[in-house]
Each structure stands twice: as structure tokens, then as C-alpha cells.
Amino acid sequence: MIEIFERGGLMMYPLALASVLALAIIIERFFSLRKR
């Protein structure tokens, strides 16, 4: 996984950030919808 990340270069950082952010939003939505 780290090898792929290093080969991707600089473009991988914003991509990884967007993925983590999207995952956080999905988890947050899941829990807020489950509470209702």
C-alpha cells in the first residue's frame, strides 16, 4: 500500500485526504441516520 502511495507522488496526498474526508462523512451520516 505504501509502495503504491510513493509511486503516485505528490498527487496522492490530496487524493488520500479526499478519501479520508469522504469516509468520515459517510460514517457520520450513517450514525446520524441510525439514531432517528
PDB file of N, CA and C in Angstrom:
ATOM      1  N   MET A   1       0.831  -1.201   0.000  1.00  0.00           N
ATOM      2  CA  MET A   1       0.000   0.000   0.000  1.00  0.00           C
ATOM      3  C   MET A   1       0.867   1.253   0.000  1.00  0.00           C
ATOM      4  N   ILE A   2       1.892   1.278   0.855  1.00  0.00           N
ATOM      5  CA  ILE A   2       2.795   2.433   0.939  1.00  0.00           C
ATOM      6  C   ILE A   2       3.608   2.576  -0.351  1.00  0.00           C
ATOM      7  N   GLU A   3       3.966   1.449  -0.960  1.00  0.00           N
ATOM      8  CA  GLU A   3       4.718   1.483  -2.224  1.00  0.00           C
ATOM      9  C   GLU A   3       3.912   2.181  -3.318  1.00  0.00           C
ATOM     10  N   ILE A   4       2.645   1.848  -3.416  1.00  0.00           N
ATOM     11  CA  ILE A   4       1.750   2.457  -4.410  1.00  0.00           C
ATOM     12  C   ILE A   4       1.633   3.952  -4.150  1.00  0.00           C
ATOM     13  N   PHE A   5       1.523   4.303  -2.869  1.00  0.00           N
ATOM     14  CA  PHE A   5       1.403   5.706  -2.467  1.00  0.00           C
ATOM     15  C   PHE A   5       2.640   6.502  -2.869  1.00  0.00           C
ATOM     16  N   GLU A   6       3.821   5.918  -2.650  1.00  0.00           N
ATOM     17  CA  GLU A   6       5.081   6.587  -3.001  1.00  0.00           C
ATOM     18  C   GLU A   6       5.253   6.716  -4.512  1.00  0.00           C
ATOM     19  N   ARG A   7       4.804   5.709  -5.259  1.00  0.00           N
ATOM     20  CA  ARG A   7       4.902   5.761  -6.722  1.00  0.00           C
ATOM     21  C   ARG A   7       3.968   6.813  -7.306  1.00  0.00           C
ATOM     22  N   GLY A   8       2.845   7.058  -6.637  1.00  0.00           N
ATOM     23  CA  GLY A   8       1.878   8.056  -7.097  1.00  0.00           C
ATOM     24  C   GLY A   8       2.408   9.473  -7.004  1.00  0.00           C
ATOM     25  N   GLY A   9       3.332   9.695  -6.107  1.00  0.00           N
ATOM     26  CA  GLY A   9       3.946  11.014  -5.973  1.00  0.00           C
ATOM     27  C   GLY A   9       3.061  12.016  -5.255  1.00  0.00           C
ATOM     28  N   LEU A  10       3.215  13.266  -5.637  1.00  0.00           N
ATOM     29  CA  LEU A  10       2.548  14.382  -4.974  1.00  0.00           C
ATOM     30  C   LEU A  10       1.030  14.348  -5.122  1.00  0.00           C
ATOM     31  N   MET A  11       0.539  13.801  -6.233  1.00  0.00           N
ATOM     32  CA  MET A  11      -0.897  13.778  -6.496  1.00  0.00           C
ATOM     33  C   MET A  11      -1.651  12.871  -5.526  1.00  0.00           C
ATOM     34  N   MET A  12      -0.943  11.969  -4.866  1.00  0.00           N
ATOM     35  CA  MET A  12      -1.573  11.025  -3.946  1.00  0.00           C
ATOM     36  C   MET A  12      -2.037  11.674  -2.648  1.00  0.00           C
ATOM     37  N   TYR A  13      -1.387  12.767  -2.241  1.00  0.00           N
ATOM     38  CA  TYR A  13      -1.740  13.405  -0.971  1.00  0.00           C
ATOM     39  C   TYR A  13      -3.148  13.999  -0.953  1.00  0.00           C
ATOM     40  N   PRO A  14      -3.512  14.842  -1.931  1.00  0.00           N
ATOM     41  CA  PRO A  14      -4.889  15.351  -1.931  1.00  0.00           C
ATOM     42  C   PRO A  14      -5.920  14.237  -2.130  1.00  0.00           C
ATOM     43  N   LEU A  15      -5.541  13.216  -2.893  1.00  0.00           N
ATOM     44  CA  LEU A  15      -6.420  12.079  -3.137  1.00  0.00           C
ATOM     45  C   LEU A  15      -6.679  11.307  -1.842  1.00  0.00           C
ATOM     46  N   ALA A  16      -5.633  11.084  -1.066  1.00  0.00           N
ATOM     47  CA  ALA A  16      -5.759  10.398   0.221  1.00  0.00           C
ATOM     48  C   ALA A  16      -6.578  11.230   1.196  1.00  0.00           C
ATOM     49  N   LEU A  17      -6.354  12.531   1.200  1.00  0.00           N
ATOM     50  CA  LEU A  17      -7.099  13.440   2.072  1.00  0.00           C
ATOM     51  C   LEU A  17      -8.589  13.414   1.735  1.00  0.00           C
ATOM     52  N   ALA A  18      -8.905  13.449   0.444  1.00  0.00           N
ATOM     53  CA  ALA A  18     -10.296  13.407  -0.008  1.00  0.00           C
ATOM     54  C   ALA A  18     -10.953  12.074   0.374  1.00  0.00           C
ATOM     55  N   SER A  19     -10.206  10.987   0.288  1.00  0.00           N
ATOM     56  CA  SER A  19     -10.733   9.671   0.642  1.00  0.00           C
ATOM     57  C   SER A  19     -11.057   9.575   2.128  1.00  0.00           C
ATOM     58  N   VAL A  20     -10.151  10.083   2.961  1.00  0.00           N
ATOM     59  CA  VAL A  20     -10.358  10.068   4.409  1.00  0.00           C
ATOM     60  C   VAL A  20     -11.551  10.944   4.778  1.00  0.00           C
ATOM     61  N   LEU A  21     -11.649  12.104   4.136  1.00  0.00           N
ATOM     62  CA  LEU A  21     -12.751  13.033   4.379  1.00  0.00           C
ATOM     63  C   LEU A  21     -14.089  12.405   3.979  1.00  0.00           C
ATOM     64  N   ALA A  22     -14.119  11.767   2.819  1.00  0.00           N
ATOM     65  CA  ALA A  22     -15.335  11.108   2.340  1.00  0.00           C
ATOM     66  C   ALA A  22     -15.758   9.988   3.294  1.00  0.00           C
ATOM     67  N   LEU A  23     -14.796   9.228   3.767  1.00  0.00           N
ATOM     68  CA  LEU A  23     -15.070   8.141   4.701  1.00  0.00           C
ATOM     69  C   LEU A  23     -15.639   8.678   6.011  1.00  0.00           C
ATOM     70  N   ALA A  24     -15.072   9.776   6.502  1.00  0.00           N
ATOM     71  CA  ALA A  24     -15.558  10.403   7.736  1.00  0.00           C
ATOM     72  C   ALA A  24     -17.000  10.885   7.576  1.00  0.00           C
ATOM     73  N   ILE A  25     -17.313  11.473   6.425  1.00  0.00           N
ATOM     74  CA  ILE A  25     -18.675  11.954   6.152  1.00  0.00           C
ATOM     75  C   ILE A  25     -19.659  10.787   6.076  1.00  0.00           C
ATOM     76  N   ILE A  26     -19.269   9.711   5.405  1.00  0.00           N
ATOM     77  CA  ILE A  26     -20.120   8.527   5.285  1.00  0.00           C
ATOM     78  C   ILE A  26     -20.427   7.930   6.660  1.00  0.00           C
ATOM     79  N   ILE A  27     -19.403   7.806   7.506  1.00  0.00           N
ATOM     80  CA  ILE A  27     -19.583   7.269   8.860  1.00  0.00           C
ATOM     81  C   ILE A  27     -20.497   8.172   9.679  1.00  0.00           C
ATOM     82  N   GLU A  28     -20.281   9.479   9.591  1.00  0.00           N
ATOM     83  CA  GLU A  28     -21.092  10.454  10.324  1.00  0.00           C
ATOM     84  C   GLU A  28     -22.557  10.384   9.889  1.00  0.00           C
ATOM     85  N   ARG A  29     -22.799  10.326   8.582  1.00  0.00           N
ATOM     86  CA  ARG A  29     -24.168  10.217   8.042  1.00  0.00           C
ATOM     87  C   ARG A  29     -24.822   8.922   8.511  1.00  0.00           C
ATOM     88  N   PHE A  30     -24.073   7.826   8.477  1.00  0.00           N
ATOM     89  CA  PHE A  30     -24.587   6.522   8.879  1.00  0.00           C
ATOM     90  C   PHE A  30     -25.099   6.550  10.315  1.00  0.00           C
ATOM     91  N   PHE A  31     -24.294   7.105  11.228  1.00  0.00           N
ATOM     92  CA  PHE A  31     -24.695   7.156  12.630  1.00  0.00           C
ATOM     93  C   PHE A  31     -25.837   8.129  12.877  1.00  0.00           C
ATOM     94  N   SER A  32     -25.848   9.253  12.186  1.00  0.00           N
ATOM     95  CA  SER A  32     -26.927  10.226  12.398  1.00  0.00           C
ATOM     96  C   SER A  32     -28.260   9.711  11.844  1.00  0.00           C
ATOM     97  N   LEU A  33     -28.220   8.955  10.763  1.00  0.00           N
ATOM     98  CA  LEU A  33     -29.450   8.387  10.208  1.00  0.00           C
ATOM     99  C   LEU A  33     -29.948   7.209  11.045  1.00  0.00           C
ATOM    100  N   ARG A  34     -29.035   6.500  11.681  1.00  0.00           N
ATOM    101  CA  ARG A  34     -29.410   5.355  12.506  1.00  0.00           C
ATOM    102  C   ARG A  34     -30.097   5.779  13.803  1.00  0.00           C
ATOM    103  N   LYS A  35     -29.753   6.965  14.299  1.00  0.00           N
ATOM    104  CA  LYS A  35     -30.325   7.458  15.554  1.00  0.00           C
ATOM    105  C   LYS A  35     -31.813   7.775  15.440  1.00  0.00           C
ATOM    106  N   ARG A  36     -32.261   8.190  14.248  1.00  0.00           N
ATOM    107  CA  ARG A  36     -33.662   8.592  14.061  1.00  0.00           C
ATOM    108  C   ARG A  36     -34.645   7.447  14.226  1.00  0.00           C
TER     109      ARG A  36
END
